[in-house]
Amino acid sequence: MKITVKTFATLREIFGGTGMLYLELPEGSTIEDLLKKLEEQYGSRLDISRLVGENSNVKVLVNGREITYLDGLRTKLRDGDSVAFIPPVAGG
């Protein structure tokens, strides 16, 4: 199945400087499976536990819904889903 991964702000650099990635995952994959695939591809730049761990402020959304309100890292993905990683906003 095809999944679109969107990255914003400071996270773009981690994912090769692009705001969108297109990944193939097996049917029945979860957010956790997606994170493992991303870690395989971007492991040297990506610290998954920091990205979505307990102390992380990064929001993970599937089709615009935060995974905290779905099934967390066990949220099942479907063909055509869009997953967004949104870092905290800061400024002054």
C-alpha atoms as a PDB file:
ATOM      1  CA  MET A   1       0.000   0.000   0.000  1.00  0.00           C
ATOM      2  CA  LYS A   2       1.151   3.558  -0.649  1.00  0.00           C
ATOM      3  CA  ILE A   3       1.498   6.059   2.184  1.00  0.00           C
ATOM      4  CA  THR A   4       2.293   9.761   1.898  1.00  0.00           C
ATOM      5  CA  VAL A   5       4.485  11.175   4.668  1.00  0.00           C
ATOM      6  CA  LYS A   6       4.447  14.940   5.162  1.00  0.00           C
ATOM      7  CA  THR A   7       7.138  16.719   7.153  1.00  0.00           C
ATOM      8  CA  PHE A   8       7.181  20.322   8.288  1.00  0.00           C
ATOM      9  CA  ALA A   9       9.637  22.951   9.492  1.00  0.00           C
ATOM     10  CA  THR A  10      12.761  21.558  11.173  1.00  0.00           C
ATOM     11  CA  LEU A  11      11.786  17.951  10.431  1.00  0.00           C
ATOM     12  CA  ARG A  12      12.219  18.446   6.679  1.00  0.00           C
ATOM     13  CA  GLU A  13      16.001  18.395   7.016  1.00  0.00           C
ATOM     14  CA  ILE A  14      15.896  15.056   8.818  1.00  0.00           C
ATOM     15  CA  PHE A  15      13.917  13.583   5.926  1.00  0.00           C
ATOM     16  CA  GLY A  16      16.265  14.717   3.193  1.00  0.00           C
ATOM     17  CA  GLY A  17      15.014  18.274   2.815  1.00  0.00           C
ATOM     18  CA  THR A  18      11.725  17.338   1.220  1.00  0.00           C
ATOM     19  CA  GLY A  19       8.286  18.032   2.604  1.00  0.00           C
ATOM     20  CA  MET A  20       6.768  14.860   1.165  1.00  0.00           C
ATOM     21  CA  LEU A  21       7.788  11.235   0.980  1.00  0.00           C
ATOM     22  CA  TYR A  22       5.982   8.373  -0.686  1.00  0.00           C
ATOM     23  CA  LEU A  23       6.471   4.954   0.889  1.00  0.00           C
ATOM     24  CA  GLU A  24       5.291   1.447   0.168  1.00  0.00           C
ATOM     25  CA  LEU A  25       4.246  -0.598   3.201  1.00  0.00           C
ATOM     26  CA  PRO A  26       2.671  -4.059   3.524  1.00  0.00           C
ATOM     27  CA  GLU A  27      -1.076  -4.258   4.093  1.00  0.00           C
ATOM     28  CA  GLY A  28      -1.986  -4.065   7.774  1.00  0.00           C
ATOM     29  CA  SER A  29       0.978  -1.842   8.678  1.00  0.00           C
ATOM     30  CA  THR A  30       0.781   0.498  11.647  1.00  0.00           C
ATOM     31  CA  ILE A  31       2.366   3.828  12.576  1.00  0.00           C
ATOM     32  CA  GLU A  32       5.000   1.807  14.423  1.00  0.00           C
ATOM     33  CA  ASP A  33       5.803  -0.092  11.203  1.00  0.00           C
ATOM     34  CA  LEU A  34       6.047   3.201   9.334  1.00  0.00           C
ATOM     35  CA  LEU A  35       8.473   4.550  11.932  1.00  0.00           C
ATOM     36  CA  LYS A  36      10.644   1.441  11.592  1.00  0.00           C
ATOM     37  CA  LYS A  37      10.741   1.906   7.810  1.00  0.00           C
ATOM     38  CA  LEU A  38      11.656   5.574   8.207  1.00  0.00           C
ATOM     39  CA  GLU A  39      14.373   4.645  10.676  1.00  0.00           C
ATOM     40  CA  GLU A  40      15.802   2.141   8.156  1.00  0.00           C
ATOM     41  CA  GLN A  41      15.933   4.834   5.480  1.00  0.00           C
ATOM     42  CA  TYR A  42      16.975   7.839   7.584  1.00  0.00           C
ATOM     43  CA  GLY A  43      18.468   6.123  10.635  1.00  0.00           C
ATOM     44  CA  SER A  44      21.647   8.143  10.778  1.00  0.00           C
ATOM     45  CA  ARG A  45      19.616  11.369  11.013  1.00  0.00           C
ATOM     46  CA  LEU A  46      16.499  10.106  12.724  1.00  0.00           C
ATOM     47  CA  ASP A  47      16.018   9.337  16.409  1.00  0.00           C
ATOM     48  CA  ILE A  48      12.565   7.725  16.492  1.00  0.00           C
ATOM     49  CA  SER A  49      12.255   7.796  20.285  1.00  0.00           C
ATOM     50  CA  ARG A  50      12.972  11.529  20.264  1.00  0.00           C
ATOM     51  CA  LEU A  51      10.621  12.054  17.345  1.00  0.00           C
ATOM     52  CA  VAL A  52       7.564  10.379  18.875  1.00  0.00           C
ATOM     53  CA  GLY A  53       8.647   9.271  22.359  1.00  0.00           C
ATOM     54  CA  GLU A  54       7.045  10.158  25.674  1.00  0.00           C
ATOM     55  CA  ASN A  55       8.817  13.497  25.951  1.00  0.00           C
ATOM     56  CA  SER A  56       8.305  14.486  22.334  1.00  0.00           C
ATOM     57  CA  ASN A  57       6.249  17.480  21.290  1.00  0.00           C
ATOM     58  CA  VAL A  58       6.032  16.273  17.687  1.00  0.00           C
ATOM     59  CA  LYS A  59       2.447  15.664  16.615  1.00  0.00           C
ATOM     60  CA  VAL A  60       1.737  12.678  14.385  1.00  0.00           C
ATOM     61  CA  LEU A  61      -1.438  12.870  12.349  1.00  0.00           C
ATOM     62  CA  VAL A  62      -3.097  10.307  10.095  1.00  0.00           C
ATOM     63  CA  ASN A  63      -5.389  11.964   7.580  1.00  0.00           C
ATOM     64  CA  GLY A  64      -5.523  15.037   9.830  1.00  0.00           C
ATOM     65  CA  ARG A  65      -6.301  13.173  13.070  1.00  0.00           C
ATOM     66  CA  GLU A  66      -3.747  13.016  15.860  1.00  0.00           C
ATOM     67  CA  ILE A  67      -2.739   9.421  16.644  1.00  0.00           C
ATOM     68  CA  THR A  68      -3.175  10.119  20.360  1.00  0.00           C
ATOM     69  CA  TYR A  69      -6.927  10.088  19.687  1.00  0.00           C
ATOM     70  CA  LEU A  70      -6.750   7.020  17.464  1.00  0.00           C
ATOM     71  CA  ASP A  71      -4.787   3.937  18.497  1.00  0.00           C
ATOM     72  CA  GLY A  72      -1.405   5.582  19.105  1.00  0.00           C
ATOM     73  CA  LEU A  73       1.534   3.793  17.505  1.00  0.00           C
ATOM     74  CA  ARG A  74      -0.772   0.843  16.799  1.00  0.00           C
ATOM     75  CA  THR A  75      -2.952   2.950  14.505  1.00  0.00           C
ATOM     76  CA  LYS A  76      -3.507   0.891  11.348  1.00  0.00           C
ATOM     77  CA  LEU A  77      -2.725   2.512   8.036  1.00  0.00           C
ATOM     78  CA  ARG A  78      -4.616   2.059   4.774  1.00  0.00           C
ATOM     79  CA  ASP A  79      -3.652   2.524   1.177  1.00  0.00           C
ATOM     80  CA  GLY A  80      -3.589   6.217   0.332  1.00  0.00           C
ATOM     81  CA  ASP A  81      -3.299   7.444   3.929  1.00  0.00           C
ATOM     82  CA  SER A  82      -1.379  10.614   4.674  1.00  0.00           C
ATOM     83  CA  VAL A  83       0.815  10.766   7.780  1.00  0.00           C
ATOM     84  CA  ALA A  84       2.096  14.146   8.955  1.00  0.00           C
ATOM     85  CA  PHE A  85       4.892  14.852  11.437  1.00  0.00           C
ATOM     86  CA  ILE A  86       4.481  18.339  12.889  1.00  0.00           C
ATOM     87  CA  PRO A  87       7.146  19.728  15.237  1.00  0.00           C
ATOM     88  CA  PRO A  88       6.319  22.216  17.988  1.00  0.00           C
ATOM     89  CA  VAL A  89       6.056  25.801  16.861  1.00  0.00           C
ATOM     90  CA  ALA A  90       8.301  28.385  18.445  1.00  0.00           C
ATOM     91  CA  GLY A  91       8.989  31.968  17.707  1.00  0.00           C
ATOM     92  CA  GLY A  92       8.833  35.401  19.011  1.00  0.00           C
END
